[in-house]
Amino acid sequence: MKNKIKDYLYLTVIFYLLAGLAGCGYTTRSMISGKYRTIYVTPFVNKVDVTQEAYSANKYRIYRPMLETDITRVLINKYLFDGNLKPQKETQADLILKGELTEYRKDPLSYTADNNDVTEYRINIYVNLSLWDAKENKLLWEENNFNGNYSYFTSFATGNVILVSEDAAVNNAIDDLARRIVERTVEQW
């Protein structure tokens, strides 16, 4: 009986030691393959269709000039800040990220008590993305309707809220979009 208990304790200790050595696999490093070190971000293309007839679901569809340029610039800066993939010229890059701006929306979230004025908006920016292996010209992944957003209060909001201008909200939405794109690229979840 004592030998069985000893064997059981011995196996339990070995199991926990092996489990401890294996760890949970958490790391702060990139999950992207070691063969990818550089990336080229193609200038985003504006595919927002402003000629489309309005209906209730898209009555807030609008366009901001040069938004696709701002997205490209902020995204390159995010890759520089992240450090896992170094932005490079197209001819020297391991990866090529292609993107197109498909929609910019400013949706009302809340109104004043009399429903006459909007107190909160959400900026949504939608893009289509594809990541390519530059050496093999192979599609690695593709995401449509990838979204970045930011909500902000207007001057009609009451209470203890922080007011942000629409321009600042757009910049925050672009920043959120760029952060999400970099995470999608390097984390490979």
Protein backbone atom coordinates (compact mmCIF):
# COMPACT_ATOMS: atom_id res chain seq x y z
CA MET A 1 0.00 0.00 0.00
CA LYS A 2 2.84 2.40 0.87
CA ASN A 3 4.51 1.61 -2.47
CA LYS A 4 1.33 2.49 -4.37
CA ILE A 5 1.05 5.81 -2.54
CA LYS A 6 4.74 6.51 -3.21
CA ASP A 7 4.29 5.67 -6.90
CA TYR A 8 1.20 7.88 -7.08
CA LEU A 9 3.01 10.81 -5.44
CA TYR A 10 6.05 10.23 -7.65
CA LEU A 11 3.90 10.31 -10.83
CA THR A 12 2.03 13.39 -9.61
CA VAL A 13 5.28 15.27 -8.94
CA ILE A 14 6.66 14.30 -12.38
CA PHE A 15 3.41 15.36 -14.06
CA TYR A 16 3.47 18.81 -12.42
CA LEU A 17 7.16 19.27 -13.20
CA LEU A 18 6.61 18.45 -16.87
CA ALA A 19 3.54 20.70 -17.00
CA GLY A 20 5.55 23.50 -15.39
CA LEU A 21 8.39 23.08 -17.87
CA ALA A 22 5.99 23.10 -20.80
CA GLY A 23 4.42 26.38 -19.66
CA CYS A 24 1.35 27.93 -21.17
CA GLY A 25 3.11 29.26 -24.26
CA TYR A 26 2.60 32.96 -23.51
CA THR A 27 5.15 35.27 -25.05
CA THR A 28 5.42 38.94 -25.90
CA ARG A 29 7.15 38.13 -29.17
CA SER A 30 5.45 38.06 -32.53
CA MET A 31 3.71 34.87 -33.58
CA ILE A 32 4.53 35.54 -37.23
CA SER A 33 6.97 33.22 -38.94
CA GLY A 34 10.67 33.98 -38.56
CA LYS A 35 11.09 34.29 -42.32
CA TYR A 36 9.06 37.51 -42.33
CA ARG A 37 10.98 40.54 -41.09
CA THR A 38 9.85 43.37 -43.37
CA ILE A 39 6.56 44.66 -44.75
CA TYR A 40 5.48 47.03 -47.49
CA VAL A 41 2.17 48.82 -46.99
CA THR A 42 0.69 49.75 -50.36
CA PRO A 43 -1.06 53.11 -50.34
CA PHE A 44 -4.68 52.47 -49.42
CA VAL A 45 -7.14 52.91 -52.27
CA ASN A 46 -10.36 54.86 -51.84
CA LYS A 47 -13.30 52.59 -52.74
CA VAL A 48 -15.98 54.56 -50.89
CA ASP A 49 -19.01 54.73 -53.16
CA VAL A 50 -20.48 58.17 -52.48
CA THR A 51 -22.84 57.87 -55.46
CA GLN A 52 -24.84 55.08 -53.83
CA GLU A 53 -28.44 55.99 -53.11
CA ALA A 54 -29.13 56.62 -49.43
CA TYR A 55 -31.48 54.47 -47.38
CA SER A 56 -32.15 54.23 -43.65
CA ALA A 57 -29.20 51.91 -42.86
CA ASN A 58 -26.62 54.09 -44.58
CA LYS A 59 -28.04 57.59 -44.38
CA TYR A 60 -24.96 58.66 -42.44
CA ARG A 61 -22.50 57.50 -45.09
CA ILE A 62 -20.08 60.29 -45.86
CA TYR A 63 -16.52 60.68 -47.02
CA ARG A 64 -13.56 62.55 -45.58
CA PRO A 65 -10.99 63.71 -48.13
CA MET A 66 -7.55 62.10 -47.90
CA LEU A 67 -8.70 59.54 -45.32
CA GLU A 68 -6.99 56.70 -47.20
CA THR A 69 -3.69 58.62 -47.11
CA ASP A 70 -4.02 59.17 -43.37
CA ILE A 71 -4.70 55.45 -42.84
CA THR A 72 -1.57 54.48 -44.80
CA ARG A 73 0.62 56.95 -42.91
CA VAL A 74 -0.63 55.98 -39.44
CA LEU A 75 -0.38 52.26 -40.26
CA ILE A 76 3.26 52.56 -41.33
CA ASN A 77 4.00 54.44 -38.11
CA LYS A 78 2.27 51.68 -36.09
CA TYR A 79 4.50 49.05 -37.71
CA LEU A 80 7.54 51.16 -36.85
CA PHE A 81 6.36 51.52 -33.25
CA ASP A 82 5.50 47.81 -32.90
CA GLY A 83 8.91 46.72 -34.20
CA ASN A 84 8.00 43.16 -35.26
CA LEU A 85 7.86 44.02 -38.96
CA LYS A 86 10.02 46.78 -40.39
CA PRO A 87 8.39 48.88 -43.14
CA GLN A 88 10.47 48.61 -46.30
CA LYS A 89 10.36 49.41 -50.00
CA GLU A 90 8.22 47.04 -52.04
CA THR A 91 11.21 45.43 -53.75
CA GLN A 92 12.89 44.62 -50.41
CA ALA A 93 9.85 43.54 -48.37
CA ASP A 94 9.00 40.00 -47.24
CA LEU A 95 5.29 40.84 -46.91
CA ILE A 96 2.98 43.16 -48.81
CA LEU A 97 -0.16 44.52 -47.17
CA LYS A 98 -2.80 45.76 -49.59
CA GLY A 99 -5.78 47.75 -48.40
CA GLU A 100 -8.75 49.65 -49.64
CA LEU A 101 -11.00 52.04 -47.76
CA THR A 102 -14.58 50.86 -48.30
CA GLU A 103 -16.62 52.92 -45.88
CA TYR A 104 -16.49 55.84 -43.49
CA ARG A 105 -19.48 56.26 -41.18
CA LYS A 106 -20.52 58.71 -38.50
CA ASP A 107 -23.36 57.02 -36.61
CA PRO A 108 -25.37 58.72 -33.85
CA LEU A 109 -25.40 56.75 -30.60
CA SER A 110 -27.44 58.95 -28.26
CA TYR A 111 -29.63 62.03 -28.37
CA THR A 112 -30.76 64.79 -26.03
CA ALA A 113 -33.97 64.21 -24.04
CA ASP A 114 -36.05 66.00 -26.68
CA ASN A 115 -34.40 63.99 -29.52
CA ASN A 116 -33.42 67.18 -31.32
CA ASP A 117 -29.65 66.94 -31.00
CA VAL A 118 -27.09 64.16 -31.08
CA THR A 119 -25.00 63.87 -27.90
CA GLU A 120 -22.73 61.00 -28.96
CA TYR A 121 -21.39 59.73 -32.29
CA ARG A 122 -19.33 56.72 -33.28
CA ILE A 123 -16.86 57.00 -36.15
CA ASN A 124 -16.47 53.70 -38.05
CA ILE A 125 -13.82 53.12 -40.70
CA TYR A 126 -14.07 49.94 -42.78
CA VAL A 127 -11.29 48.55 -44.96
CA ASN A 128 -10.60 45.42 -46.98
CA LEU A 129 -7.16 43.92 -46.38
CA SER A 130 -4.96 41.25 -47.90
CA LEU A 131 -1.50 40.16 -46.80
CA TRP A 132 0.82 38.66 -49.40
CA ASP A 133 4.10 36.79 -49.23
CA ALA A 134 6.19 38.96 -51.56
CA LYS A 135 8.74 36.27 -52.46
CA GLU A 136 6.21 33.57 -53.39
CA ASN A 137 3.41 35.97 -54.46
CA LYS A 138 1.07 33.95 -52.24
CA LEU A 139 -1.98 35.24 -50.37
CA LEU A 140 -1.50 34.63 -46.62
CA TRP A 141 -4.81 36.04 -45.41
CA GLU A 142 -7.61 38.34 -46.43
CA GLU A 143 -10.10 40.30 -44.31
CA ASN A 144 -13.09 42.22 -45.61
CA ASN A 145 -14.94 44.90 -43.64
CA PHE A 146 -12.11 45.18 -41.11
CA ASN A 147 -13.13 47.92 -38.71
CA GLY A 148 -11.63 50.63 -36.55
CA ASN A 149 -13.86 52.92 -34.52
CA TYR A 150 -14.07 55.60 -31.88
CA SER A 151 -17.01 57.12 -29.98
CA TYR A 152 -17.13 60.72 -28.86
CA PHE A 153 -19.48 63.17 -27.17
CA THR A 154 -20.69 66.41 -28.72
CA SER A 155 -21.24 69.77 -27.05
CA PHE A 156 -24.89 68.74 -26.44
CA ALA A 157 -23.81 66.02 -24.00
CA THR A 158 -24.49 66.66 -20.35
CA GLY A 159 -22.80 65.38 -17.27
CA ASN A 160 -19.18 64.60 -16.62
CA VAL A 161 -18.03 63.75 -20.16
CA ILE A 162 -14.88 64.58 -22.08
CA LEU A 163 -15.60 66.48 -25.25
CA VAL A 164 -13.54 65.61 -28.32
CA SER A 165 -13.65 67.30 -31.70
CA GLU A 166 -14.74 65.32 -34.74
CA ASP A 167 -11.24 65.61 -36.23
CA ALA A 168 -9.69 64.17 -33.06
CA ALA A 169 -12.28 61.37 -33.08
CA VAL A 170 -11.42 60.51 -36.69
CA ASN A 171 -7.72 60.42 -35.80
CA ASN A 172 -8.51 58.12 -32.86
CA ALA A 173 -10.56 55.83 -35.13
CA ILE A 174 -7.66 55.67 -37.62
CA ASP A 175 -5.30 54.88 -34.76
CA ASP A 176 -7.62 52.10 -33.55
CA LEU A 177 -7.83 50.68 -37.08
CA ALA A 178 -4.04 50.74 -37.52
CA ARG A 179 -3.51 49.06 -34.13
CA ARG A 180 -5.94 46.30 -35.05
CA ILE A 181 -4.31 45.76 -38.45
CA VAL A 182 -0.84 45.45 -36.91
CA GLU A 183 -2.17 43.03 -34.29
CA ARG A 184 -3.88 40.96 -37.01
CA THR A 185 -0.64 40.86 -38.97
CA VAL A 186 1.86 39.99 -36.26
CA GLU A 187 -0.14 37.97 -33.75
CA GLN A 188 -1.64 35.39 -36.13
CA TRP A 189 -4.25 34.27 -33.60
